[in-house]
Amino acid sequence: MTVESGHTTEQQQGLILTDAAAAKVRSLLEQQGEEGLQLRVAVQPGGCSGLRYQLFFDDRSMDGDVVTDFGGVGVVTDRMSAPYLIGASIDFVDTIEKQGFTIDNPNATGSCACGDSFN
């Protein structure tokens, strides 16, 4: 467990989910009302910089998945995406200027203007 800027986070397998992000995911999962769903974080080819993030709810379990628990919120990463996400931090911001999940990834060497893809 680490503390960053007053936010407690748990780090396992290199991916960090802040308390704010975990709370938002938990809320969205409750709205879905389905048992067994977890947040899947994947890195896929695409976007203007070559790679893009995908965050979605999933009930599947694939061979090689890395499953991490953040205060009762299950986060799943496939084995191909996991190396791209080591040290990445997923947060949820809700300000007058912006609302949504943000990913701060130290592995990204560049990104495009839209902020949705990286390389």
PDB file of N, CA and C in Angstrom:
ATOM      1  N   MET A   1       0.851  -1.176   0.000  1.00  0.00           N
ATOM      2  CA  MET A   1       0.000   0.000   0.000  1.00  0.00           C
ATOM      3  C   MET A   1       0.889   1.228   0.000  1.00  0.00           C
ATOM      4  N   THR A   2       0.555   2.200  -0.815  1.00  0.00           N
ATOM      5  CA  THR A   2       1.321   3.433  -0.884  1.00  0.00           C
ATOM      6  C   THR A   2       0.402   4.615  -0.673  1.00  0.00           C
ATOM      7  N   VAL A   3       0.966   5.743  -0.314  1.00  0.00           N
ATOM      8  CA  VAL A   3       0.189   6.968  -0.158  1.00  0.00           C
ATOM      9  C   VAL A   3       0.758   8.001  -1.114  1.00  0.00           C
ATOM     10  N   GLU A   4      -0.109   8.551  -1.962  1.00  0.00           N
ATOM     11  CA  GLU A   4       0.308   9.571  -2.920  1.00  0.00           C
ATOM     12  C   GLU A   4      -0.612  10.769  -2.792  1.00  0.00           C
ATOM     13  N   SER A   5      -0.059  11.905  -2.520  1.00  0.00           N
ATOM     14  CA  SER A   5      -0.827  13.155  -2.438  1.00  0.00           C
ATOM     15  C   SER A   5      -2.091  13.010  -1.591  1.00  0.00           C
ATOM     16  N   GLY A   6      -1.986  12.281  -0.484  1.00  0.00           N
ATOM     17  CA  GLY A   6      -3.134  12.133   0.393  1.00  0.00           C
ATOM     18  C   GLY A   6      -4.107  11.056  -0.047  1.00  0.00           C
ATOM     19  N   HIS A   7      -3.853  10.388  -1.157  1.00  0.00           N
ATOM     20  CA  HIS A   7      -4.725   9.328  -1.631  1.00  0.00           C
ATOM     21  C   HIS A   7      -4.052   7.991  -1.366  1.00  0.00           C
ATOM     22  N   THR A   8      -4.742   7.104  -0.669  1.00  0.00           N
ATOM     23  CA  THR A   8      -4.206   5.784  -0.424  1.00  0.00           C
ATOM     24  C   THR A   8      -4.495   4.907  -1.625  1.00  0.00           C
ATOM     25  N   THR A   9      -3.508   4.185  -2.067  1.00  0.00           N
ATOM     26  CA  THR A   9      -3.688   3.280  -3.203  1.00  0.00           C
ATOM     27  C   THR A   9      -3.061   1.945  -2.866  1.00  0.00           C
ATOM     28  N   GLU A  10      -3.524   0.904  -3.536  1.00  0.00           N
ATOM     29  CA  GLU A  10      -2.898  -0.393  -3.403  1.00  0.00           C
ATOM     30  C   GLU A  10      -2.199  -0.690  -4.712  1.00  0.00           C
ATOM     31  N   GLN A  11      -1.023  -1.249  -4.621  1.00  0.00           N
ATOM     32  CA  GLN A  11      -0.286  -1.576  -5.830  1.00  0.00           C
ATOM     33  C   GLN A  11       0.071  -3.055  -5.801  1.00  0.00           C
ATOM     34  N   GLN A  12      -0.413  -3.771  -6.784  1.00  0.00           N
ATOM     35  CA  GLN A  12      -0.068  -5.159  -6.968  1.00  0.00           C
ATOM     36  C   GLN A  12       0.079  -5.358  -8.461  1.00  0.00           C
ATOM     37  N   GLN A  13       1.047  -6.141  -8.865  1.00  0.00           N
ATOM     38  CA  GLN A  13       1.296  -6.393 -10.275  1.00  0.00           C
ATOM     39  C   GLN A  13       1.576  -5.110 -11.056  1.00  0.00           C
ATOM     40  N   GLY A  14       1.905  -4.014 -10.378  1.00  0.00           N
ATOM     41  CA  GLY A  14       2.320  -2.816 -11.067  1.00  0.00           C
ATOM     42  C   GLY A  14       1.238  -1.828 -11.437  1.00  0.00           C
ATOM     43  N   LEU A  15      -0.010  -2.202 -11.413  1.00  0.00           N
ATOM     44  CA  LEU A  15      -1.111  -1.305 -11.763  1.00  0.00           C
ATOM     45  C   LEU A  15      -1.666  -0.676 -10.491  1.00  0.00           C
ATOM     46  N   ILE A  16      -1.930   0.629 -10.528  1.00  0.00           N
ATOM     47  CA  ILE A  16      -2.427   1.350  -9.363  1.00  0.00           C
ATOM     48  C   ILE A  16      -3.827   1.877  -9.668  1.00  0.00           C
ATOM     49  N   LEU A  17      -4.753   1.648  -8.774  1.00  0.00           N
ATOM     50  CA  LEU A  17      -6.108   2.192  -8.874  1.00  0.00           C
ATOM     51  C   LEU A  17      -6.316   3.061  -7.645  1.00  0.00           C
ATOM     52  N   THR A  18      -6.531   4.363  -7.853  1.00  0.00           N
ATOM     53  CA  THR A  18      -6.695   5.262  -6.708  1.00  0.00           C
ATOM     54  C   THR A  18      -8.024   4.995  -6.015  1.00  0.00           C
ATOM     55  N   ASP A  19      -8.152   5.517  -4.814  1.00  0.00           N
ATOM     56  CA  ASP A  19      -9.401   5.369  -4.065  1.00  0.00           C
ATOM     57  C   ASP A  19     -10.576   5.972  -4.829  1.00  0.00           C
ATOM     58  N   ALA A  20     -10.353   7.131  -5.461  1.00  0.00           N
ATOM     59  CA  ALA A  20     -11.430   7.789  -6.218  1.00  0.00           C
ATOM     60  C   ALA A  20     -11.868   6.921  -7.387  1.00  0.00           C
ATOM     61  N   ALA A  21     -10.918   6.321  -8.090  1.00  0.00           N
ATOM     62  CA  ALA A  21     -11.252   5.453  -9.220  1.00  0.00           C
ATOM     63  C   ALA A  21     -11.963   4.199  -8.733  1.00  0.00           C
ATOM     64  N   ALA A  22     -11.488   3.608  -7.636  1.00  0.00           N
ATOM     65  CA  ALA A  22     -12.122   2.408  -7.098  1.00  0.00           C
ATOM     66  C   ALA A  22     -13.567   2.701  -6.679  1.00  0.00           C
ATOM     67  N   ALA A  23     -13.791   3.859  -6.057  1.00  0.00           N
ATOM     68  CA  ALA A  23     -15.147   4.231  -5.640  1.00  0.00           C
ATOM     69  C   ALA A  23     -16.067   4.401  -6.846  1.00  0.00           C
ATOM     70  N   LYS A  24     -15.562   5.017  -7.907  1.00  0.00           N
ATOM     71  CA  LYS A  24     -16.373   5.214  -9.114  1.00  0.00           C
ATOM     72  C   LYS A  24     -16.674   3.874  -9.785  1.00  0.00           C
ATOM     73  N   VAL A  25     -15.676   3.007  -9.882  1.00  0.00           N
ATOM     74  CA  VAL A  25     -15.900   1.680 -10.467  1.00  0.00           C
ATOM     75  C   VAL A  25     -16.925   0.911  -9.642  1.00  0.00           C
ATOM     76  N   ARG A  26     -16.793   0.965  -8.326  1.00  0.00           N
ATOM     77  CA  ARG A  26     -17.739   0.283  -7.439  1.00  0.00           C
ATOM     78  C   ARG A  26     -19.163   0.792  -7.682  1.00  0.00           C
ATOM     79  N   SER A  27     -19.315   2.099  -7.807  1.00  0.00           N
ATOM     80  CA  SER A  27     -20.623   2.701  -8.069  1.00  0.00           C
ATOM     81  C   SER A  27     -21.182   2.238  -9.412  1.00  0.00           C
ATOM     82  N   LEU A  28     -20.348   2.225 -10.444  1.00  0.00           N
ATOM     83  CA  LEU A  28     -20.794   1.793 -11.768  1.00  0.00           C
ATOM     84  C   LEU A  28     -21.168   0.309 -11.770  1.00  0.00           C
ATOM     85  N   LEU A  29     -20.405  -0.498 -11.036  1.00  0.00           N
ATOM     86  CA  LEU A  29     -20.724  -1.925 -10.941  1.00  0.00           C
ATOM     87  C   LEU A  29     -22.069  -2.143 -10.248  1.00  0.00           C
ATOM     88  N   GLU A  30     -22.337  -1.358  -9.211  1.00  0.00           N
ATOM     89  CA  GLU A  30     -23.626  -1.460  -8.516  1.00  0.00           C
ATOM     90  C   GLU A  30     -24.769  -1.088  -9.447  1.00  0.00           C
ATOM     91  N   GLN A  31     -24.564  -0.082 -10.303  1.00  0.00           N
ATOM     92  CA  GLN A  31     -25.579   0.315 -11.270  1.00  0.00           C
ATOM     93  C   GLN A  31     -25.840  -0.791 -12.287  1.00  0.00           C
ATOM     94  N   GLN A  32     -24.795  -1.538 -12.653  1.00  0.00           N
ATOM     95  CA  GLN A  32     -24.940  -2.631 -13.610  1.00  0.00           C
ATOM     96  C   GLN A  32     -25.824  -3.738 -13.027  1.00  0.00           C
ATOM     97  N   GLY A  33     -25.684  -3.972 -11.727  1.00  0.00           N
ATOM     98  CA  GLY A  33     -26.512  -4.960 -11.056  1.00  0.00           C
ATOM     99  C   GLY A  33     -26.228  -6.402 -11.446  1.00  0.00           C
ATOM    100  N   GLU A  34     -25.093  -6.673 -12.042  1.00  0.00           N
ATOM    101  CA  GLU A  34     -24.727  -8.038 -12.424  1.00  0.00           C
ATOM    102  C   GLU A  34     -23.616  -8.544 -11.519  1.00  0.00           C
ATOM    103  N   GLU A  35     -23.727  -9.783 -11.109  1.00  0.00           N
ATOM    104  CA  GLU A  35     -22.697 -10.395 -10.275  1.00  0.00           C
ATOM    105  C   GLU A  35     -21.528 -10.857 -11.139  1.00  0.00           C
ATOM    106  N   GLY A  36     -20.341 -10.841 -10.573  1.00  0.00           N
ATOM    107  CA  GLY A  36     -19.175 -11.395 -11.237  1.00  0.00           C
ATOM    108  C   GLY A  36     -18.465 -10.470 -12.211  1.00  0.00           C
ATOM    109  N   LEU A  37     -18.908  -9.225 -12.322  1.00  0.00           N
ATOM    110  CA  LEU A  37     -18.234  -8.294 -13.231  1.00  0.00           C
ATOM    111  C   LEU A  37     -17.005  -7.697 -12.562  1.00  0.00           C
ATOM    112  N   GLN A  38     -15.966  -7.508 -13.357  1.00  0.00           N
ATOM    113  CA  GLN A  38     -14.750  -6.850 -12.908  1.00  0.00           C
ATOM    114  C   GLN A  38     -14.352  -5.832 -13.959  1.00  0.00           C
ATOM    115  N   LEU A  39     -13.519  -4.877 -13.560  1.00  0.00           N
ATOM    116  CA  LEU A  39     -13.003  -3.900 -14.511  1.00  0.00           C
ATOM    117  C   LEU A  39     -11.836  -4.529 -15.256  1.00  0.00           C
ATOM    118  N   ARG A  40     -11.944  -4.604 -16.573  1.00  0.00           N
ATOM    119  CA  ARG A  40     -10.841  -5.110 -17.392  1.00  0.00           C
ATOM    120  C   ARG A  40     -10.133  -3.912 -18.008  1.00  0.00           C
ATOM    121  N   VAL A  41      -8.809  -3.870 -17.844  1.00  0.00           N
ATOM    122  CA  VAL A  41      -7.974  -2.819 -18.413  1.00  0.00           C
ATOM    123  C   VAL A  41      -7.077  -3.494 -19.444  1.00  0.00           C
ATOM    124  N   ALA A  42      -7.166  -3.019 -20.675  1.00  0.00           N
ATOM    125  CA  ALA A  42      -6.396  -3.625 -21.754  1.00  0.00           C
ATOM    126  C   ALA A  42      -5.704  -2.553 -22.578  1.00  0.00           C
ATOM    127  N   VAL A  43      -4.643  -2.955 -23.228  1.00  0.00           N
ATOM    128  CA  VAL A  43      -3.931  -2.108 -24.180  1.00  0.00           C
ATOM    129  C   VAL A  43      -4.085  -2.779 -25.528  1.00  0.00           C
ATOM    130  N   GLN A  44      -4.607  -2.036 -26.506  1.00  0.00           N
ATOM    131  CA  GLN A  44      -4.876  -2.576 -27.839  1.00  0.00           C
ATOM    132  C   GLN A  44      -4.208  -1.702 -28.897  1.00  0.00           C
ATOM    133  N   PRO A  45      -3.871  -2.290 -30.044  1.00  0.00           N
ATOM    134  CA  PRO A  45      -3.371  -1.472 -31.147  1.00  0.00           C
ATOM    135  C   PRO A  45      -4.454  -0.505 -31.603  1.00  0.00           C
ATOM    136  N   GLY A  46      -4.046   0.698 -31.963  1.00  0.00           N
ATOM    137  CA  GLY A  46      -5.008   1.676 -32.463  1.00  0.00           C
ATOM    138  C   GLY A  46      -4.701   3.072 -31.980  1.00  0.00           C
ATOM    139  N   GLY A  47      -5.558   3.985 -32.335  1.00  0.00           N
ATOM    140  CA  GLY A  47      -5.368   5.381 -31.964  1.00  0.00           C
ATOM    141  C   GLY A  47      -4.300   6.028 -32.817  1.00  0.00           C
ATOM    142  N   CYS A  48      -4.143   7.320 -32.669  1.00  0.00           N
ATOM    143  CA  CYS A  48      -3.190   8.047 -33.511  1.00  0.00           C
ATOM    144  C   CYS A  48      -1.733   7.822 -33.118  1.00  0.00           C
ATOM    145  N   SER A  49      -1.483   7.328 -31.902  1.00  0.00           N
ATOM    146  CA  SER A  49      -0.099   7.112 -31.474  1.00  0.00           C
ATOM    147  C   SER A  49       0.319   5.642 -31.509  1.00  0.00           C
ATOM    148  N   GLY A  50      -0.590   4.746 -31.867  1.00  0.00           N
ATOM    149  CA  GLY A  50      -0.216   3.344 -32.010  1.00  0.00           C
ATOM    150  C   GLY A  50      -0.880   2.393 -31.038  1.00  0.00           C
ATOM    151  N   LEU A  51      -1.112   2.832 -29.803  1.00  0.00           N
ATOM    152  CA  LEU A  51      -1.757   1.993 -28.791  1.00  0.00           C
ATOM    153  C   LEU A  51      -2.842   2.805 -28.094  1.00  0.00           C
ATOM    154  N   ARG A  52      -3.868   2.099 -27.615  1.00  0.00           N
ATOM    155  CA  ARG A  52      -4.920   2.797 -26.870  1.00  0.00           C
ATOM    156  C   ARG A  52      -5.386   1.920 -25.719  1.00  0.00           C
ATOM    157  N   TYR A  53      -5.923   2.574 -24.712  1.00  0.00           N
ATOM    158  CA  TYR A  53      -6.438   1.876 -23.543  1.00  0.00           C
ATOM    159  C   TYR A  53      -7.886   1.481 -23.773  1.00  0.00           C
ATOM    160  N   GLN A  54      -8.269   0.361 -23.185  1.00  0.00           N
ATOM    161  CA  GLN A  54      -9.667  -0.035 -23.138  1.00  0.00           C
ATOM    162  C   GLN A  54      -9.994  -0.370 -21.692  1.00  0.00           C
ATOM    163  N   LEU A  55     -11.061   0.230 -21.179  1.00  0.00           N
ATOM    164  CA  LEU A  55     -11.569  -0.074 -19.850  1.00  0.00           C
ATOM    165  C   LEU A  55     -13.014  -0.488 -20.028  1.00  0.00           C
ATOM    166  N   PHE A  56     -13.354  -1.681 -19.546  1.00  0.00           N
ATOM    167  CA  PHE A  56     -14.730  -2.155 -19.662  1.00  0.00           C
ATOM    168  C   PHE A  56     -14.990  -3.215 -18.607  1.00  0.00           C
ATOM    169  N   PHE A  57     -16.268  -3.458 -18.346  1.00  0.00           N
ATOM    170  CA  PHE A  57     -16.646  -4.493 -17.390  1.00  0.00           C
ATOM    171  C   PHE A  57     -16.698  -5.826 -18.105  1.00  0.00           C
ATOM    172  N   ASP A  58     -16.188  -6.850 -17.431  1.00  0.00           N
ATOM    173  CA  ASP A  58     -16.070  -8.161 -18.040  1.00  0.00           C
ATOM    174  C   ASP A  58     -16.306  -9.230 -16.984  1.00  0.00           C
ATOM    175  N   ASP A  59     -16.964 -10.312 -17.390  1.00  0.00           N
ATOM    176  CA  ASP A  59     -17.154 -11.432 -16.473  1.00  0.00           C
ATOM    177  C   ASP A  59     -16.334 -12.646 -16.907  1.00  0.00           C
ATOM    178  N   ARG A  60     -15.559 -12.480 -17.971  1.00  0.00           N
ATOM    179  CA  ARG A  60     -14.742 -13.587 -18.476  1.00  0.00           C
ATOM    180  C   ARG A  60     -13.429 -13.695 -17.708  1.00  0.00           C
ATOM    181  N   SER A  61     -12.870 -14.880 -17.737  1.00  0.00           N
ATOM    182  CA  SER A  61     -11.553 -15.130 -17.182  1.00  0.00           C
ATOM    183  C   SER A  61     -10.743 -15.817 -18.265  1.00  0.00           C
ATOM    184  N   MET A  62      -9.628 -15.210 -18.651  1.00  0.00           N
ATOM    185  CA  MET A  62      -8.789 -15.766 -19.704  1.00  0.00           C
ATOM    186  C   MET A  62      -7.476 -16.264 -19.111  1.00  0.00           C
ATOM    187  N   ASP A  63      -6.885 -17.245 -19.771  1.00  0.00           N
ATOM    188  CA  ASP A  63      -5.615 -17.798 -19.336  1.00  0.00           C
ATOM    189  C   ASP A  63      -4.563 -16.694 -19.276  1.00  0.00           C
ATOM    190  N   GLY A  64      -3.875 -16.594 -18.162  1.00  0.00           N
ATOM    191  CA  GLY A  64      -2.820 -15.600 -18.013  1.00  0.00           C
ATOM    192  C   GLY A  64      -3.279 -14.267 -17.467  1.00  0.00           C
ATOM    193  N   ASP A  65      -4.577 -14.111 -17.180  1.00  0.00           N
ATOM    194  CA  ASP A  65      -5.071 -12.855 -16.619  1.00  0.00           C
ATOM    195  C   ASP A  65      -4.394 -12.544 -15.295  1.00  0.00           C
ATOM    196  N   VAL A  66      -4.116 -11.272 -15.085  1.00  0.00           N
ATOM    197  CA  VAL A  66      -3.620 -10.777 -13.809  1.00  0.00           C
ATOM    198  C   VAL A  66      -4.802 -10.110 -13.131  1.00  0.00           C
ATOM    199  N   VAL A  67      -5.206 -10.641 -11.974  1.00  0.00           N
ATOM    200  CA  VAL A  67      -6.363 -10.114 -11.255  1.00  0.00           C
ATOM    201  C   VAL A  67      -5.872  -9.460  -9.973  1.00  0.00           C
ATOM    202  N   THR A  68      -6.289  -8.217  -9.761  1.00  0.00           N
ATOM    203  CA  THR A  68      -5.890  -7.463  -8.581  1.00  0.00           C
ATOM    204  C   THR A  68      -7.132  -6.917  -7.906  1.00  0.00           C
ATOM    205  N   ASP A  69      -7.141  -6.940  -6.583  1.00  0.00           N
ATOM    206  CA  ASP A  69      -8.263  -6.407  -5.824  1.00  0.00           C
ATOM    207  C   ASP A  69      -7.876  -5.073  -5.218  1.00  0.00           C
ATOM    208  N   PHE A  70      -8.714  -4.067  -5.435  1.00  0.00           N
ATOM    209  CA  PHE A  70      -8.516  -2.739  -4.863  1.00  0.00           C
ATOM    210  C   PHE A  70      -9.732  -2.406  -4.020  1.00  0.00           C
ATOM    211  N   GLY A  71      -9.680  -2.745  -2.751  1.00  0.00           N
ATOM    212  CA  GLY A  71     -10.783  -2.443  -1.846  1.00  0.00           C
ATOM    213  C   GLY A  71     -12.107  -3.047  -2.284  1.00  0.00           C
ATOM    214  N   GLY A  72     -12.073  -4.275  -2.763  1.00  0.00           N
ATOM    215  CA  GLY A  72     -13.296  -4.944  -3.190  1.00  0.00           C
ATOM    216  C   GLY A  72     -13.624  -4.782  -4.660  1.00  0.00           C
ATOM    217  N   VAL A  73     -12.829  -4.036  -5.386  1.00  0.00           N
ATOM    218  CA  VAL A  73     -13.022  -3.861  -6.820  1.00  0.00           C
ATOM    219  C   VAL A  73     -11.982  -4.714  -7.540  1.00  0.00           C
ATOM    220  N   GLY A  74     -12.456  -5.681  -8.322  1.00  0.00           N
ATOM    221  CA  GLY A  74     -11.554  -6.531  -9.080  1.00  0.00           C
ATOM    222  C   GLY A  74     -11.127  -5.857 -10.375  1.00  0.00           C
ATOM    223  N   VAL A  75      -9.815  -5.808 -10.606  1.00  0.00           N
ATOM    224  CA  VAL A  75      -9.263  -5.245 -11.832  1.00  0.00           C
ATOM    225  C   VAL A  75      -8.500  -6.362 -12.535  1.00  0.00           C
ATOM    226  N   VAL A  76      -8.839  -6.605 -13.800  1.00  0.00           N
ATOM    227  CA  VAL A  76      -8.259  -7.692 -14.576  1.00  0.00           C
ATOM    228  C   VAL A  76      -7.453  -7.097 -15.728  1.00  0.00           C
ATOM    229  N   THR A  77      -6.263  -7.642 -15.940  1.00  0.00           N
ATOM    230  CA  THR A  77      -5.423  -7.251 -17.062  1.00  0.00           C
ATOM    231  C   THR A  77      -4.957  -8.521 -17.762  1.00  0.00           C
ATOM    232  N   ASP A  78      -5.061  -8.553 -19.076  1.00  0.00           N
ATOM    233  CA  ASP A  78      -4.592  -9.729 -19.796  1.00  0.00           C
ATOM    234  C   ASP A  78      -3.067  -9.737 -19.831  1.00  0.00           C
ATOM    235  N   ARG A  79      -2.496 -10.900 -20.055  1.00  0.00           N
ATOM    236  CA  ARG A  79      -1.034 -11.041 -19.971  1.00  0.00           C
ATOM    237  C   ARG A  79      -0.281 -10.226 -21.017  1.00  0.00           C
ATOM    238  N   MET A  80      -0.905  -9.926 -22.142  1.00  0.00           N
ATOM    239  CA  MET A  80      -0.230  -9.124 -23.162  1.00  0.00           C
ATOM    240  C   MET A  80      -0.220  -7.635 -22.792  1.00  0.00           C
ATOM    241  N   SER A  81      -1.250  -7.178 -22.097  1.00  0.00           N
ATOM    242  CA  SER A  81      -1.348  -5.768 -21.708  1.00  0.00           C
ATOM    243  C   SER A  81      -0.560  -5.443 -20.449  1.00  0.00           C
ATOM    244  N   ALA A  82      -0.403  -6.420 -19.570  1.00  0.00           N
ATOM    245  CA  ALA A  82       0.211  -6.183 -18.262  1.00  0.00           C
ATOM    246  C   ALA A  82       1.562  -5.465 -18.330  1.00  0.00           C
ATOM    247  N   PRO A  83       2.493  -5.846 -19.230  1.00  0.00           N
ATOM    248  CA  PRO A  83       3.783  -5.134 -19.254  1.00  0.00           C
ATOM    249  C   PRO A  83       3.657  -3.644 -19.603  1.00  0.00           C
ATOM    250  N   TYR A  84       2.659  -3.282 -20.398  1.00  0.00           N
ATOM    251  CA  TYR A  84       2.452  -1.874 -20.759  1.00  0.00           C
ATOM    252  C   TYR A  84       1.908  -1.059 -19.584  1.00  0.00           C
ATOM    253  N   LEU A  85       1.361  -1.736 -18.575  1.00  0.00           N
ATOM    254  CA  LEU A  85       0.670  -1.055 -17.485  1.00  0.00           C
ATOM    255  C   LEU A  85       1.433  -1.060 -16.168  1.00  0.00           C
ATOM    256  N   ILE A  86       2.660  -1.567 -16.172  1.00  0.00           N
ATOM    257  CA  ILE A  86       3.451  -1.580 -14.937  1.00  0.00           C
ATOM    258  C   ILE A  86       3.710  -0.143 -14.497  1.00  0.00           C
ATOM    259  N   GLY A  87       3.279   0.180 -13.294  1.00  0.00           N
ATOM    260  CA  GLY A  87       3.457   1.522 -12.754  1.00  0.00           C
ATOM    261  C   GLY A  87       2.400   2.518 -13.176  1.00  0.00           C
ATOM    262  N   ALA A  88       1.460   2.093 -14.035  1.00  0.00           N
ATOM    263  CA  ALA A  88       0.397   3.006 -14.480  1.00  0.00           C
ATOM    264  C   ALA A  88      -0.598   3.243 -13.349  1.00  0.00           C
ATOM    265  N   SER A  89      -1.092   4.460 -13.281  1.00  0.00           N
ATOM    266  CA  SER A  89      -2.041   4.852 -12.250  1.00  0.00           C
ATOM    267  C   SER A  89      -3.359   5.262 -12.901  1.00  0.00           C
ATOM    268  N   ILE A  90      -4.449   4.628 -12.464  1.00  0.00           N
ATOM    269  CA  ILE A  90      -5.776   4.961 -12.969  1.00  0.00           C
ATOM    270  C   ILE A  90      -6.488   5.765 -11.889  1.00  0.00           C
ATOM    271  N   ASP A  91      -6.966   6.934 -12.265  1.00  0.00           N
ATOM    272  CA  ASP A  91      -7.655   7.826 -11.330  1.00  0.00           C
ATOM    273  C   ASP A  91      -8.998   8.224 -11.938  1.00  0.00           C
ATOM    274  N   PHE A  92      -9.866   8.758 -11.126  1.00  0.00           N
ATOM    275  CA  PHE A  92     -11.124   9.315 -11.611  1.00  0.00           C
ATOM    276  C   PHE A  92     -11.177  10.762 -11.166  1.00  0.00           C
ATOM    277  N   VAL A  93     -11.370  11.668 -12.129  1.00  0.00           N
ATOM    278  CA  VAL A  93     -11.468  13.086 -11.814  1.00  0.00           C
ATOM    279  C   VAL A  93     -12.879  13.575 -12.099  1.00  0.00           C
ATOM    280  N   ASP A  94     -13.339  14.478 -11.274  1.00  0.00           N
ATOM    281  CA  ASP A  94     -14.667  15.061 -11.432  1.00  0.00           C
ATOM    282  C   ASP A  94     -14.564  16.536 -11.067  1.00  0.00           C
ATOM    283  N   THR A  95     -14.234  17.336 -12.079  1.00  0.00           N
ATOM    284  CA  THR A  95     -14.093  18.772 -11.874  1.00  0.00           C
ATOM    285  C   THR A  95     -14.996  19.498 -12.857  1.00  0.00           C
ATOM    286  N   ILE A  96     -15.046  20.805 -12.751  1.00  0.00           N
ATOM    287  CA  ILE A  96     -15.850  21.603 -13.676  1.00  0.00           C
ATOM    288  C   ILE A  96     -15.300  21.501 -15.104  1.00  0.00           C
ATOM    289  N   GLU A  97     -14.005  21.221 -15.217  1.00  0.00           N
ATOM    290  CA  GLU A  97     -13.361  21.155 -16.524  1.00  0.00           C
ATOM    291  C   GLU A  97     -13.370  19.773 -17.150  1.00  0.00           C
ATOM    292  N   LYS A  98     -13.409  18.730 -16.316  1.00  0.00           N
ATOM    293  CA  LYS A  98     -13.236  17.386 -16.840  1.00  0.00           C
ATOM    294  C   LYS A  98     -13.850  16.360 -15.905  1.00  0.00           C
ATOM    295  N   GLN A  99     -14.433  15.309 -16.493  1.00  0.00           N
ATOM    296  CA  GLN A  99     -14.926  14.200 -15.697  1.00  0.00           C
ATOM    297  C   GLN A  99     -14.595  12.913 -16.428  1.00  0.00           C
ATOM    298  N   GLY A 100     -14.032  11.977 -15.701  1.00  0.00           N
ATOM    299  CA  GLY A 100     -13.741  10.681 -16.297  1.00  0.00           C
ATOM    300  C   GLY A 100     -12.498  10.056 -15.716  1.00  0.00           C
ATOM    301  N   PHE A 101     -12.188   8.862 -16.225  1.00  0.00           N
ATOM    302  CA  PHE A 101     -11.010   8.136 -15.794  1.00  0.00           C
ATOM    303  C   PHE A 101      -9.786   8.679 -16.530  1.00  0.00           C
ATOM    304  N   THR A 102      -8.695   8.781 -15.819  1.00  0.00           N
ATOM    305  CA  THR A 102      -7.434   9.194 -16.419  1.00  0.00           C
ATOM    306  C   THR A 102      -6.399   8.117 -16.124  1.00  0.00           C
ATOM    307  N   ILE A 103      -5.471   7.954 -17.043  1.00  0.00           N
ATOM    308  CA  ILE A 103      -4.398   6.979 -16.857  1.00  0.00           C
ATOM    309  C   ILE A 103      -3.068   7.706 -16.999  1.00  0.00           C
ATOM    310  N   ASP A 104      -2.281   7.636 -15.960  1.00  0.00           N
ATOM    311  CA  ASP A 104      -0.935   8.194 -15.980  1.00  0.00           C
ATOM    312  C   ASP A 104       0.012   7.004 -16.095  1.00  0.00           C
ATOM    313  N   ASN A 105       0.656   6.876 -17.248  1.00  0.00           N
ATOM    314  CA  ASN A 105       1.472   5.705 -17.525  1.00  0.00           C
ATOM    315  C   ASN A 105       2.924   6.112 -17.772  1.00  0.00           C
ATOM    316  N   PRO A 106       3.837   5.722 -16.870  1.00  0.00           N
ATOM    317  CA  PRO A 106       5.241   6.074 -17.054  1.00  0.00           C
ATOM    318  C   PRO A 106       5.886   5.341 -18.233  1.00  0.00           C
ATOM    319  N   ASN A 107       5.234   4.314 -18.753  1.00  0.00           N
ATOM    320  CA  ASN A 107       5.773   3.557 -19.885  1.00  0.00           C
ATOM    321  C   ASN A 107       5.498   4.233 -21.223  1.00  0.00           C
ATOM    322  N   ALA A 108       4.569   5.177 -21.247  1.00  0.00           N
ATOM    323  CA  ALA A 108       4.220   5.859 -22.491  1.00  0.00           C
ATOM    324  C   ALA A 108       5.314   6.865 -22.840  1.00  0.00           C
ATOM    325  N   THR A 109       5.870   6.726 -24.034  1.00  0.00           N
ATOM    326  CA  THR A 109       6.921   7.650 -24.458  1.00  0.00           C
ATOM    327  C   THR A 109       6.348   8.846 -25.196  1.00  0.00           C
ATOM    328  N   GLY A 110       5.095   8.766 -25.591  1.00  0.00           N
ATOM    329  CA  GLY A 110       4.434   9.870 -26.273  1.00  0.00           C
ATOM    330  C   GLY A 110       2.953   9.608 -26.350  1.00  0.00           C
ATOM    331  N   SER A 111       2.189  10.655 -26.605  1.00  0.00           N
ATOM    332  CA  SER A 111       0.740  10.501 -26.754  1.00  0.00           C
ATOM    333  C   SER A 111       0.262  11.511 -27.783  1.00  0.00           C
ATOM    334  N   CYS A 112      -0.985  11.323 -28.197  1.00  0.00           N
ATOM    335  CA  CYS A 112      -1.538  12.233 -29.198  1.00  0.00           C
ATOM    336  C   CYS A 112      -2.322  13.343 -28.490  1.00  0.00           C
ATOM    337  N   ALA A 113      -2.784  14.294 -29.256  1.00  0.00           N
ATOM    338  CA  ALA A 113      -3.512  15.429 -28.698  1.00  0.00           C
ATOM    339  C   ALA A 113      -4.817  15.019 -28.032  1.00  0.00           C
ATOM    340  N   CYS A 114      -5.442  13.959 -28.507  1.00  0.00           N
ATOM    341  CA  CYS A 114      -6.721  13.543 -27.921  1.00  0.00           C
ATOM    342  C   CYS A 114      -6.516  12.923 -26.541  1.00  0.00           C
ATOM    343  N   GLY A 115      -5.312  12.442 -26.244  1.00  0.00           N
ATOM    344  CA  GLY A 115      -5.019  11.871 -24.940  1.00  0.00           C
ATOM    345  C   GLY A 115      -5.502  10.453 -24.768  1.00  0.00           C
ATOM    346  N   ASP A 116      -6.085   9.855 -25.808  1.00  0.00           N
ATOM    347  CA  ASP A 116      -6.617   8.506 -25.700  1.00  0.00           C
ATOM    348  C   ASP A 116      -5.672   7.435 -26.189  1.00  0.00           C
ATOM    349  N   SER A 117      -4.589   7.813 -26.835  1.00  0.00           N
ATOM    350  CA  SER A 117      -3.656   6.798 -27.309  1.00  0.00           C
ATOM    351  C   SER A 117      -2.232   7.198 -26.948  1.00  0.00           C
ATOM    352  N   PHE A 118      -1.333   6.210 -26.983  1.00  0.00           N
ATOM    353  CA  PHE A 118       0.048   6.444 -26.580  1.00  0.00           C
ATOM    354  C   PHE A 118       0.968   5.512 -27.346  1.00  0.00           C
ATOM    355  N   ASN A 119       2.249   5.718 -27.170  1.00  0.00           N
ATOM    356  CA  ASN A 119       3.244   4.794 -27.722  1.00  0.00           C
ATOM    357  C   ASN A 119       4.353   4.598 -26.720  1.00  0.00           C
TER     358      ASN A 119
END
